[in-house]
C-alpha atoms as a PDB file:
ATOM      1  CA  UNK A   1      -7.998  34.404  -9.233  1.00  0.00           C
ATOM      2  CA  UNK A   2      -4.847  33.229  -8.581  1.00  0.00           C
ATOM      3  CA  UNK A   3      -1.721  33.907  -6.971  1.00  0.00           C
ATOM      4  CA  UNK A   4       1.511  34.686  -8.188  1.00  0.00           C
ATOM      5  CA  UNK A   5       3.613  30.799  -8.074  1.00  0.00           C
ATOM      6  CA  UNK A   6       7.307  30.168  -9.289  1.00  0.00           C
ATOM      7  CA  UNK A   7       7.358  26.696 -11.836  1.00  0.00           C
ATOM      8  CA  UNK A   8      10.568  25.334 -12.004  1.00  0.00           C
ATOM      9  CA  UNK A   9      11.461  23.079 -15.260  1.00  0.00           C
ATOM     10  CA  UNK A  10      14.099  19.860 -15.747  1.00  0.00           C
ATOM     11  CA  UNK A  11      16.604  22.236 -16.850  1.00  0.00           C
ATOM     12  CA  UNK A  12      16.217  24.571 -13.478  1.00  0.00           C
ATOM     13  CA  UNK A  13      14.771  27.243 -15.373  1.00  0.00           C
ATOM     14  CA  UNK A  14      12.870  29.013 -12.718  1.00  0.00           C
ATOM     15  CA  UNK A  15       9.369  31.177 -13.516  1.00  0.00           C
ATOM     16  CA  UNK A  16       7.109  32.884 -12.038  1.00  0.00           C
ATOM     17  CA  UNK A  17       3.124  32.910 -12.856  1.00  0.00           C
ATOM     18  CA  UNK A  18       2.050  36.697 -12.100  1.00  0.00           C
ATOM     19  CA  UNK A  19      -1.236  36.938 -13.788  1.00  0.00           C
ATOM     20  CA  UNK A  20      -4.149  35.376 -16.133  1.00  0.00           C
ATOM     21  CA  UNK A  21      -5.060  36.934 -19.089  1.00  0.00           C
ATOM     22  CA  UNK A  22      -7.867  35.311 -21.155  1.00  0.00           C
ATOM     23  CA  UNK A  23      -6.760  31.487 -21.447  1.00  0.00           C
ATOM     24  CA  UNK A  24      -3.280  32.169 -21.001  1.00  0.00           C
ATOM     25  CA  UNK A  25      -1.277  32.624 -18.120  1.00  0.00           C
ATOM     26  CA  UNK A  26       0.969  35.622 -17.799  1.00  0.00           C
ATOM     27  CA  UNK A  27       4.489  34.529 -17.030  1.00  0.00           C
ATOM     28  CA  UNK A  28       8.356  36.148 -16.060  1.00  0.00           C
ATOM     29  CA  UNK A  29      11.182  34.126 -17.238  1.00  0.00           C
ATOM     30  CA  UNK A  30      14.619  34.136 -15.661  1.00  0.00           C
ATOM     31  CA  UNK A  31      16.569  34.125 -18.604  1.00  0.00           C
ATOM     32  CA  UNK A  32      19.880  35.326 -19.757  1.00  0.00           C
ATOM     33  CA  UNK A  33      18.028  39.291 -20.839  1.00  0.00           C
ATOM     34  CA  UNK A  34      15.502  41.757 -19.800  1.00  0.00           C
ATOM     35  CA  UNK A  35      12.410  39.679 -17.468  1.00  0.00           C
ATOM     36  CA  UNK A  36       9.704  40.528 -19.692  1.00  0.00           C
ATOM     37  CA  UNK A  37       5.640  39.387 -19.394  1.00  0.00           C
ATOM     38  CA  UNK A  38       5.066  36.696 -21.551  1.00  0.00           C
ATOM     39  CA  UNK A  39       1.687  35.614 -21.994  1.00  0.00           C
ATOM     40  CA  UNK A  40       1.696  31.137 -22.422  1.00  0.00           C
ATOM     41  CA  UNK A  41      -1.156  28.509 -22.118  1.00  0.00           C
ATOM     42  CA  UNK A  42      -1.140  25.844 -19.706  1.00  0.00           C
ATOM     43  CA  UNK A  43      -0.225  23.498 -21.917  1.00  0.00           C
ATOM     44  CA  UNK A  44       2.436  25.630 -23.596  1.00  0.00           C
ATOM     45  CA  UNK A  45       4.367  25.844 -19.990  1.00  0.00           C
ATOM     46  CA  UNK A  46       3.806  21.551 -19.154  1.00  0.00           C
ATOM     47  CA  UNK A  47       5.239  21.412 -22.596  1.00  0.00           C
ATOM     48  CA  UNK A  48       7.947  22.934 -21.481  1.00  0.00           C
ATOM     49  CA  UNK A  49       8.228  20.985 -18.618  1.00  0.00           C
ATOM     50  CA  UNK A  50       7.269  23.446 -15.662  1.00  0.00           C
ATOM     51  CA  UNK A  51       6.372  21.805 -12.006  1.00  0.00           C
ATOM     52  CA  UNK A  52       5.161  23.698  -9.267  1.00  0.00           C
ATOM     53  CA  UNK A  53       7.588  24.671  -7.213  1.00  0.00           C
ATOM     54  CA  UNK A  54       7.734  25.233  -3.289  1.00  0.00           C
ATOM     55  CA  UNK A  55      10.080  28.199  -3.500  1.00  0.00           C
ATOM     56  CA  UNK A  56       8.254  31.631  -1.904  1.00  0.00           C
ATOM     57  CA  UNK A  57       7.082  33.508  -4.924  1.00  0.00           C
ATOM     58  CA  UNK A  58       7.586  36.812  -2.526  1.00  0.00           C
ATOM     59  CA  UNK A  59      11.136  35.618  -2.576  1.00  0.00           C
ATOM     60  CA  UNK A  60      11.548  34.672  -5.787  1.00  0.00           C
ATOM     61  CA  UNK A  61      10.425  38.418  -6.981  1.00  0.00           C
ATOM     62  CA  UNK A  62      12.681  40.056  -4.412  1.00  0.00           C
ATOM     63  CA  UNK A  63      15.325  38.117  -6.837  1.00  0.00           C
ATOM     64  CA  UNK A  64      13.508  38.921  -9.554  1.00  0.00           C
ATOM     65  CA  UNK A  65      13.894  42.191  -9.199  1.00  0.00           C
ATOM     66  CA  UNK A  66      17.815  42.527  -8.606  1.00  0.00           C
ATOM     67  CA  UNK A  67      18.626  40.563 -12.252  1.00  0.00           C
ATOM     68  CA  UNK A  68      21.419  42.403 -13.940  1.00  0.00           C
ATOM     69  CA  UNK A  69      20.176  42.625 -17.145  1.00  0.00           C
ATOM     70  CA  UNK A  70      16.840  44.331 -16.020  1.00  0.00           C
ATOM     71  CA  UNK A  71      13.577  43.807 -16.151  1.00  0.00           C
ATOM     72  CA  UNK A  72      11.041  45.390 -17.797  1.00  0.00           C
ATOM     73  CA  UNK A  73       8.580  48.297 -16.534  1.00  0.00           C
ATOM     74  CA  UNK A  74       5.360  45.218 -16.764  1.00  0.00           C
ATOM     75  CA  UNK A  75       7.376  43.052 -15.139  1.00  0.00           C
ATOM     76  CA  UNK A  76       8.653  45.533 -12.522  1.00  0.00           C
ATOM     77  CA  UNK A  77       4.867  46.062 -11.849  1.00  0.00           C
ATOM     78  CA  UNK A  78       3.762  42.572 -11.210  1.00  0.00           C
ATOM     79  CA  UNK A  79       7.675  41.849  -9.086  1.00  0.00           C
ATOM     80  CA  UNK A  80       6.872  44.908  -6.763  1.00  0.00           C
ATOM     81  CA  UNK A  81       3.881  43.744  -6.003  1.00  0.00           C
ATOM     82  CA  UNK A  82       4.414  40.361  -5.210  1.00  0.00           C
ATOM     83  CA  UNK A  83       7.962  41.555  -3.061  1.00  0.00           C
ATOM     84  CA  UNK A  84       5.608  43.570  -1.176  1.00  0.00           C
ATOM     85  CA  UNK A  85       3.101  41.559  -0.439  1.00  0.00           C
ATOM     86  CA  UNK A  86       0.179  44.279  -1.893  1.00  0.00           C
ATOM     87  CA  UNK A  87      -2.556  42.993  -3.023  1.00  0.00           C
ATOM     88  CA  UNK A  88      -4.154  44.146  -6.346  1.00  0.00           C
ATOM     89  CA  UNK A  89      -6.870  43.100  -8.227  1.00  0.00           C
ATOM     90  CA  UNK A  90      -4.935  41.280 -10.563  1.00  0.00           C
ATOM     91  CA  UNK A  91      -3.114  38.974  -7.843  1.00  0.00           C
ATOM     92  CA  UNK A  92      -5.019  37.728  -4.904  1.00  0.00           C
ATOM     93  CA  UNK A  93      -3.377  36.690  -2.195  1.00  0.00           C
ATOM     94  CA  UNK A  94      -4.082  33.661   0.668  1.00  0.00           C
END
C-alpha cells in the first residue's frame, strides 16, 4: 500500500513516487524531457539525495500534467489518478 509522495533533492529536483513494483518504487521525475515512469530502488533514491517533501501530490500531479515536453501515456495515467484523487488498485490515499 502506497500513498503518492513528492520527493525533492538538494538540487531542487522533484519527483513523485506513484507506486511500487516488487522491491522498487515507480517514480515520475520532473525534467527537461518527456515525463516517464521509472523503476528505482529506495537505495538509489537515497543516493540521489531525495527526501520526502510536504508538497501536495495532487498539486504536483496537476503541474506535471502541464509539462511542456509532454508526458508518456503510463505517466499520464498515474498523474491523472493522483490529480483527480481517484482510488485504484495501485494507489492508496489516506
